Amino acid sequence: MVRAIILVKSPKKLIAVKLKKVSSVTDSFPTSGQFDAVVIVDVEELSQIKEIANQIQRIGGVERTETMVEVQ
């Protein structure tokens, strides 16, 4: 299993709720600071993370994302 954290910049207040609806997202919550939400993703293959990041970037109001993959 591959785990990633995706940081999301969005002025939308309820963006974390929308992010929870994306497939393979195990958790999403709002944050303070440079990014407005954090998404935790668990997938079988590394290539799936890019697909999920692309889905997130297409959500209305998402300005940018930054993805970090867990290293084991």
PDB file of N, CA and C in Angstrom:
ATOM      1  N   MET A   1       0.839  -1.171   0.000  1.00  0.00           N
ATOM      2  CA  MET A   1       0.000   0.000   0.000  1.00  0.00           C
ATOM      3  C   MET A   1       0.892   1.245   0.000  1.00  0.00           C
ATOM      4  N   VAL A   2       0.412   2.272  -0.692  1.00  0.00           N
ATOM      5  CA  VAL A   2       1.124   3.541  -0.781  1.00  0.00           C
ATOM      6  C   VAL A   2       0.252   4.610  -0.137  1.00  0.00           C
ATOM      7  N   ARG A   3       0.845   5.402   0.727  1.00  0.00           N
ATOM      8  CA  ARG A   3       0.117   6.490   1.394  1.00  0.00           C
ATOM      9  C   ARG A   3       0.711   7.824   0.955  1.00  0.00           C
ATOM     10  N   ALA A   4      -0.175   8.796   0.745  1.00  0.00           N
ATOM     11  CA  ALA A   4       0.270  10.138   0.385  1.00  0.00           C
ATOM     12  C   ALA A   4      -0.559  11.158   1.141  1.00  0.00           C
ATOM     13  N   ILE A   5       0.045  12.319   1.321  1.00  0.00           N
ATOM     14  CA  ILE A   5      -0.651  13.474   1.887  1.00  0.00           C
ATOM     15  C   ILE A   5      -0.663  14.534   0.805  1.00  0.00           C
ATOM     16  N   ILE A   6      -1.841  15.059   0.524  1.00  0.00           N
ATOM     17  CA  ILE A   6      -1.979  16.112  -0.476  1.00  0.00           C
ATOM     18  C   ILE A   6      -2.448  17.371   0.242  1.00  0.00           C
ATOM     19  N   LEU A   7      -1.675  18.425   0.110  1.00  0.00           N
ATOM     20  CA  LEU A   7      -2.030  19.715   0.680  1.00  0.00           C
ATOM     21  C   LEU A   7      -2.794  20.504  -0.374  1.00  0.00           C
ATOM     22  N   VAL A   8      -3.883  21.151   0.032  1.00  0.00           N
ATOM     23  CA  VAL A   8      -4.767  21.822  -0.920  1.00  0.00           C
ATOM     24  C   VAL A   8      -4.933  23.288  -0.544  1.00  0.00           C
ATOM     25  N   LYS A   9      -4.721  24.154  -1.518  1.00  0.00           N
ATOM     26  CA  LYS A   9      -4.955  25.595  -1.357  1.00  0.00           C
ATOM     27  C   LYS A   9      -6.286  25.921  -2.028  1.00  0.00           C
ATOM     28  N   SER A  10      -7.231  26.441  -1.223  1.00  0.00           N
ATOM     29  CA  SER A  10      -8.547  26.786  -1.748  1.00  0.00           C
ATOM     30  C   SER A  10      -9.227  27.768  -0.809  1.00  0.00           C
ATOM     31  N   PRO A  11      -9.784  28.850  -1.353  1.00  0.00           N
ATOM     32  CA  PRO A  11     -10.495  29.793  -0.493  1.00  0.00           C
ATOM     33  C   PRO A  11     -11.875  29.278  -0.057  1.00  0.00           C
ATOM     34  N   LYS A  12     -12.332  28.190  -0.628  1.00  0.00           N
ATOM     35  CA  LYS A  12     -13.643  27.634  -0.283  1.00  0.00           C
ATOM     36  C   LYS A  12     -13.607  27.055   1.120  1.00  0.00           C
ATOM     37  N   LYS A  13     -14.540  27.456   1.966  1.00  0.00           N
ATOM     38  CA  LYS A  13     -14.547  27.012   3.365  1.00  0.00           C
ATOM     39  C   LYS A  13     -14.870  25.529   3.521  1.00  0.00           C
ATOM     40  N   LEU A  14     -15.685  24.974   2.654  1.00  0.00           N
ATOM     41  CA  LEU A  14     -16.098  23.575   2.791  1.00  0.00           C
ATOM     42  C   LEU A  14     -15.325  22.642   1.871  1.00  0.00           C
ATOM     43  N   ILE A  15     -14.133  23.046   1.440  1.00  0.00           N
ATOM     44  CA  ILE A  15     -13.373  22.224   0.504  1.00  0.00           C
ATOM     45  C   ILE A  15     -13.035  20.856   1.100  1.00  0.00           C
ATOM     46  N   ALA A  16     -12.776  20.768   2.396  1.00  0.00           N
ATOM     47  CA  ALA A  16     -12.416  19.480   3.012  1.00  0.00           C
ATOM     48  C   ALA A  16     -13.554  18.473   2.875  1.00  0.00           C
ATOM     49  N   VAL A  17     -14.788  18.936   2.932  1.00  0.00           N
ATOM     50  CA  VAL A  17     -15.947  18.040   2.770  1.00  0.00           C
ATOM     51  C   VAL A  17     -15.989  17.500   1.346  1.00  0.00           C
ATOM     52  N   LYS A  18     -15.760  18.350   0.360  1.00  0.00           N
ATOM     53  CA  LYS A  18     -15.744  17.906  -1.038  1.00  0.00           C
ATOM     54  C   LYS A  18     -14.615  16.919  -1.281  1.00  0.00           C
ATOM     55  N   LEU A  19     -13.478  17.152  -0.656  1.00  0.00           N
ATOM     56  CA  LEU A  19     -12.317  16.290  -0.866  1.00  0.00           C
ATOM     57  C   LEU A  19     -12.553  14.880  -0.340  1.00  0.00           C
ATOM     58  N   LYS A  20     -13.349  14.740   0.715  1.00  0.00           N
ATOM     59  CA  LYS A  20     -13.640  13.413   1.272  1.00  0.00           C
ATOM     60  C   LYS A  20     -14.403  12.527   0.290  1.00  0.00           C
ATOM     61  N   LYS A  21     -15.046  13.138  -0.699  1.00  0.00           N
ATOM     62  CA  LYS A  21     -15.841  12.384  -1.671  1.00  0.00           C
ATOM     63  C   LYS A  21     -14.997  11.793  -2.798  1.00  0.00           C
ATOM     64  N   VAL A  22     -13.720  12.176  -2.896  1.00  0.00           N
ATOM     65  CA  VAL A  22     -12.832  11.650  -3.927  1.00  0.00           C
ATOM     66  C   VAL A  22     -12.443  10.218  -3.554  1.00  0.00           C
ATOM     67  N   SER A  23     -12.432   9.326  -4.546  1.00  0.00           N
ATOM     68  CA  SER A  23     -12.109   7.922  -4.271  1.00  0.00           C
ATOM     69  C   SER A  23     -10.690   7.792  -3.710  1.00  0.00           C
ATOM     70  N   SER A  24     -10.509   6.850  -2.816  1.00  0.00           N
ATOM     71  CA  SER A  24      -9.247   6.528  -2.148  1.00  0.00           C
ATOM     72  C   SER A  24      -8.819   7.546  -1.096  1.00  0.00           C
ATOM     73  N   VAL A  25      -9.613   8.578  -0.863  1.00  0.00           N
ATOM     74  CA  VAL A  25      -9.313   9.527   0.207  1.00  0.00           C
ATOM     75  C   VAL A  25      -9.791   8.911   1.517  1.00  0.00           C
ATOM     76  N   THR A  26      -8.868   8.715   2.459  1.00  0.00           N
ATOM     77  CA  THR A  26      -9.241   8.111   3.735  1.00  0.00           C
ATOM     78  C   THR A  26      -9.592   9.160   4.778  1.00  0.00           C
ATOM     79  N   ASP A  27      -9.069  10.394   4.593  1.00  0.00           N
ATOM     80  CA  ASP A  27      -9.419  11.479   5.501  1.00  0.00           C
ATOM     81  C   ASP A  27      -9.108  12.810   4.839  1.00  0.00           C
ATOM     82  N   SER A  28      -9.815  13.827   5.271  1.00  0.00           N
ATOM     83  CA  SER A  28      -9.591  15.192   4.806  1.00  0.00           C
ATOM     84  C   SER A  28     -10.055  16.130   5.898  1.00  0.00           C
ATOM     85  N   PHE A  29      -9.266  17.160   6.153  1.00  0.00           N
ATOM     86  CA  PHE A  29      -9.650  18.104   7.196  1.00  0.00           C
ATOM     87  C   PHE A  29      -9.078  19.479   6.888  1.00  0.00           C
ATOM     88  N   PRO A  30      -9.773  20.539   7.359  1.00  0.00           N
ATOM     89  CA  PRO A  30      -9.285  21.899   7.134  1.00  0.00           C
ATOM     90  C   PRO A  30      -8.085  22.193   8.023  1.00  0.00           C
ATOM     91  N   THR A  31      -7.224  23.089   7.547  1.00  0.00           N
ATOM     92  CA  THR A  31      -6.050  23.486   8.314  1.00  0.00           C
ATOM     93  C   THR A  31      -5.868  24.993   8.227  1.00  0.00           C
ATOM     94  N   SER A  32      -5.040  25.513   9.105  1.00  0.00           N
ATOM     95  CA  SER A  32      -4.658  26.929   9.025  1.00  0.00           C
ATOM     96  C   SER A  32      -3.253  26.972   8.443  1.00  0.00           C
ATOM     97  N   GLY A  33      -2.868  28.113   7.930  1.00  0.00           N
ATOM     98  CA  GLY A  33      -1.533  28.256   7.370  1.00  0.00           C
ATOM     99  C   GLY A  33      -1.564  28.418   5.872  1.00  0.00           C
ATOM    100  N   GLN A  34      -0.482  28.035   5.222  1.00  0.00           N
ATOM    101  CA  GLN A  34      -0.332  28.229   3.782  1.00  0.00           C
ATOM    102  C   GLN A  34      -1.360  27.428   2.977  1.00  0.00           C
ATOM    103  N   PHE A  35      -1.725  26.248   3.453  1.00  0.00           N
ATOM    104  CA  PHE A  35      -2.716  25.417   2.773  1.00  0.00           C
ATOM    105  C   PHE A  35      -3.992  25.381   3.596  1.00  0.00           C
ATOM    106  N   ASP A  36      -5.104  25.138   2.931  1.00  0.00           N
ATOM    107  CA  ASP A  36      -6.414  25.211   3.579  1.00  0.00           C
ATOM    108  C   ASP A  36      -6.992  23.856   3.961  1.00  0.00           C
ATOM    109  N   ALA A  37      -6.454  22.783   3.384  1.00  0.00           N
ATOM    110  CA  ALA A  37      -6.952  21.442   3.705  1.00  0.00           C
ATOM    111  C   ALA A  37      -5.849  20.414   3.481  1.00  0.00           C
ATOM    112  N   VAL A  38      -5.964  19.320   4.197  1.00  0.00           N
ATOM    113  CA  VAL A  38      -5.060  18.183   4.054  1.00  0.00           C
ATOM    114  C   VAL A  38      -5.895  16.978   3.650  1.00  0.00           C
ATOM    115  N   VAL A  39      -5.377  16.218   2.695  1.00  0.00           N
ATOM    116  CA  VAL A  39      -6.033  14.993   2.241  1.00  0.00           C
ATOM    117  C   VAL A  39      -5.067  13.835   2.466  1.00  0.00           C
ATOM    118  N   ILE A  40      -5.572  12.756   3.039  1.00  0.00           N
ATOM    119  CA  ILE A  40      -4.773  11.544   3.210  1.00  0.00           C
ATOM    120  C   ILE A  40      -5.317  10.495   2.253  1.00  0.00           C
ATOM    121  N   VAL A  41      -4.408   9.919   1.469  1.00  0.00           N
ATOM    122  CA  VAL A  41      -4.786   8.985   0.418  1.00  0.00           C
ATOM    123  C   VAL A  41      -4.056   7.667   0.637  1.00  0.00           C
ATOM    124  N   ASP A  42      -4.779   6.562   0.545  1.00  0.00           N
ATOM    125  CA  ASP A  42      -4.184   5.227   0.587  1.00  0.00           C
ATOM    126  C   ASP A  42      -4.576   4.494  -0.690  1.00  0.00           C
ATOM    127  N   VAL A  43      -3.568   4.045  -1.461  1.00  0.00           N
ATOM    128  CA  VAL A  43      -3.806   3.347  -2.723  1.00  0.00           C
ATOM    129  C   VAL A  43      -2.883   2.137  -2.831  1.00  0.00           C
ATOM    130  N   GLU A  44      -3.140   1.314  -3.817  1.00  0.00           N
ATOM    131  CA  GLU A  44      -2.315   0.123  -4.040  1.00  0.00           C
ATOM    132  C   GLU A  44      -1.055   0.437  -4.857  1.00  0.00           C
ATOM    133  N   GLU A  45      -1.171   1.324  -5.843  1.00  0.00           N
ATOM    134  CA  GLU A  45      -0.080   1.613  -6.759  1.00  0.00           C
ATOM    135  C   GLU A  45       0.296   3.098  -6.707  1.00  0.00           C
ATOM    136  N   LEU A  46       1.568   3.398  -6.808  1.00  0.00           N
ATOM    137  CA  LEU A  46       2.057   4.764  -6.792  1.00  0.00           C
ATOM    138  C   LEU A  46       1.416   5.607  -7.896  1.00  0.00           C
ATOM    139  N   SER A  47       1.201   5.028  -9.062  1.00  0.00           N
ATOM    140  CA  SER A  47       0.627   5.768 -10.192  1.00  0.00           C
ATOM    141  C   SER A  47      -0.774   6.295  -9.896  1.00  0.00           C
ATOM    142  N   GLN A  48      -1.483   5.678  -8.989  1.00  0.00           N
ATOM    143  CA  GLN A  48      -2.836   6.116  -8.645  1.00  0.00           C
ATOM    144  C   GLN A  48      -2.840   7.476  -7.941  1.00  0.00           C
ATOM    145  N   ILE A  49      -1.761   7.817  -7.283  1.00  0.00           N
ATOM    146  CA  ILE A  49      -1.699   9.081  -6.555  1.00  0.00           C
ATOM    147  C   ILE A  49      -1.807  10.259  -7.517  1.00  0.00           C
ATOM    148  N   LYS A  50      -1.137  10.166  -8.649  1.00  0.00           N
ATOM    149  CA  LYS A  50      -1.217  11.239  -9.641  1.00  0.00           C
ATOM    150  C   LYS A  50      -2.653  11.403 -10.139  1.00  0.00           C
ATOM    151  N   GLU A  51      -3.342  10.296 -10.368  1.00  0.00           N
ATOM    152  CA  GLU A  51      -4.735  10.352 -10.822  1.00  0.00           C
ATOM    153  C   GLU A  51      -5.614  11.054  -9.793  1.00  0.00           C
ATOM    154  N   ILE A  52      -5.422  10.747  -8.530  1.00  0.00           N
ATOM    155  CA  ILE A  52      -6.221  11.355  -7.463  1.00  0.00           C
ATOM    156  C   ILE A  52      -5.891  12.841  -7.342  1.00  0.00           C
ATOM    157  N   ALA A  53      -4.611  13.190  -7.423  1.00  0.00           N
ATOM    158  CA  ALA A  53      -4.218  14.601  -7.378  1.00  0.00           C
ATOM    159  C   ALA A  53      -4.863  15.370  -8.531  1.00  0.00           C
ATOM    160  N   ASN A  54      -4.921  14.772  -9.707  1.00  0.00           N
ATOM    161  CA  ASN A  54      -5.570  15.412 -10.854  1.00  0.00           C
ATOM    162  C   ASN A  54      -7.064  15.610 -10.608  1.00  0.00           C
ATOM    163  N   GLN A  55      -7.714  14.620  -9.998  1.00  0.00           N
ATOM    164  CA  GLN A  55      -9.144  14.750  -9.668  1.00  0.00           C
ATOM    165  C   GLN A  55      -9.359  15.912  -8.703  1.00  0.00           C
ATOM    166  N   ILE A  56      -8.497  16.020  -7.719  1.00  0.00           N
ATOM    167  CA  ILE A  56      -8.607  17.087  -6.721  1.00  0.00           C
ATOM    168  C   ILE A  56      -8.409  18.447  -7.382  1.00  0.00           C
ATOM    169  N   GLN A  57      -7.454  18.548  -8.294  1.00  0.00           N
ATOM    170  CA  GLN A  57      -7.179  19.820  -8.963  1.00  0.00           C
ATOM    171  C   GLN A  57      -8.342  20.280  -9.836  1.00  0.00           C
ATOM    172  N   ARG A  58      -9.196  19.355 -10.263  1.00  0.00           N
ATOM    173  CA  ARG A  58     -10.357  19.710 -11.091  1.00  0.00           C
ATOM    174  C   ARG A  58     -11.563  20.161 -10.268  1.00  0.00           C
ATOM    175  N   ILE A  59     -11.498  20.040  -8.950  1.00  0.00           N
ATOM    176  CA  ILE A  59     -12.610  20.480  -8.096  1.00  0.00           C
ATOM    177  C   ILE A  59     -12.646  22.007  -8.106  1.00  0.00           C
ATOM    178  N   GLY A  60     -13.835  22.559  -8.301  1.00  0.00           N
ATOM    179  CA  GLY A  60     -13.993  24.006  -8.333  1.00  0.00           C
ATOM    180  C   GLY A  60     -13.480  24.664  -7.063  1.00  0.00           C
ATOM    181  N   GLY A  61     -12.660  25.683  -7.232  1.00  0.00           N
ATOM    182  CA  GLY A  61     -12.118  26.406  -6.084  1.00  0.00           C
ATOM    183  C   GLY A  61     -10.721  25.977  -5.668  1.00  0.00           C
ATOM    184  N   VAL A  62     -10.252  24.846  -6.154  1.00  0.00           N
ATOM    185  CA  VAL A  62      -8.900  24.404  -5.803  1.00  0.00           C
ATOM    186  C   VAL A  62      -7.903  25.217  -6.625  1.00  0.00           C
ATOM    187  N   GLU A  63      -7.029  25.924  -5.938  1.00  0.00           N
ATOM    188  CA  GLU A  63      -6.042  26.768  -6.609  1.00  0.00           C
ATOM    189  C   GLU A  63      -4.750  26.014  -6.911  1.00  0.00           C
ATOM    190  N   ARG A  64      -4.308  25.195  -5.948  1.00  0.00           N
ATOM    191  CA  ARG A  64      -3.089  24.398  -6.169  1.00  0.00           C
ATOM    192  C   ARG A  64      -3.018  23.294  -5.140  1.00  0.00           C
ATOM    193  N   THR A  65      -2.176  22.303  -5.438  1.00  0.00           N
ATOM    194  CA  THR A  65      -1.951  21.207  -4.514  1.00  0.00           C
ATOM    195  C   THR A  65      -0.456  20.926  -4.413  1.00  0.00           C
ATOM    196  N   GLU A  66      -0.104  20.254  -3.341  1.00  0.00           N
ATOM    197  CA  GLU A  66       1.254  19.755  -3.171  1.00  0.00           C
ATOM    198  C   GLU A  66       1.150  18.361  -2.588  1.00  0.00           C
ATOM    199  N   THR A  67       1.822  17.415  -3.230  1.00  0.00           N
ATOM    200  CA  THR A  67       1.703  16.017  -2.835  1.00  0.00           C
ATOM    201  C   THR A  67       2.992  15.524  -2.208  1.00  0.00           C
ATOM    202  N   MET A  68       2.848  14.797  -1.092  1.00  0.00           N
ATOM    203  CA  MET A  68       3.978  14.181  -0.416  1.00  0.00           C
ATOM    204  C   MET A  68       3.666  12.695  -0.257  1.00  0.00           C
ATOM    205  N   VAL A  69       4.555  11.853  -0.725  1.00  0.00           N
ATOM    206  CA  VAL A  69       4.367  10.404  -0.647  1.00  0.00           C
ATOM    207  C   VAL A  69       5.170   9.869   0.534  1.00  0.00           C
ATOM    208  N   GLU A  70       4.529   9.004   1.310  1.00  0.00           N
ATOM    209  CA  GLU A  70       5.213   8.389   2.448  1.00  0.00           C
ATOM    210  C   GLU A  70       6.356   7.516   1.961  1.00  0.00           C
ATOM    211  N   VAL A  71       7.515   7.659   2.596  1.00  0.00           N
ATOM    212  CA  VAL A  71       8.695   6.887   2.236  1.00  0.00           C
ATOM    213  C   VAL A  71       8.929   5.854   3.339  1.00  0.00           C
ATOM    214  N   GLN A  72       9.092   4.622   2.919  1.00  0.00           N
ATOM    215  CA  GLN A  72       9.307   3.552   3.901  1.00  0.00           C
ATOM    216  C   GLN A  72      10.647   2.907   3.718  1.00  0.00           C
TER     217      GLN A  72
END
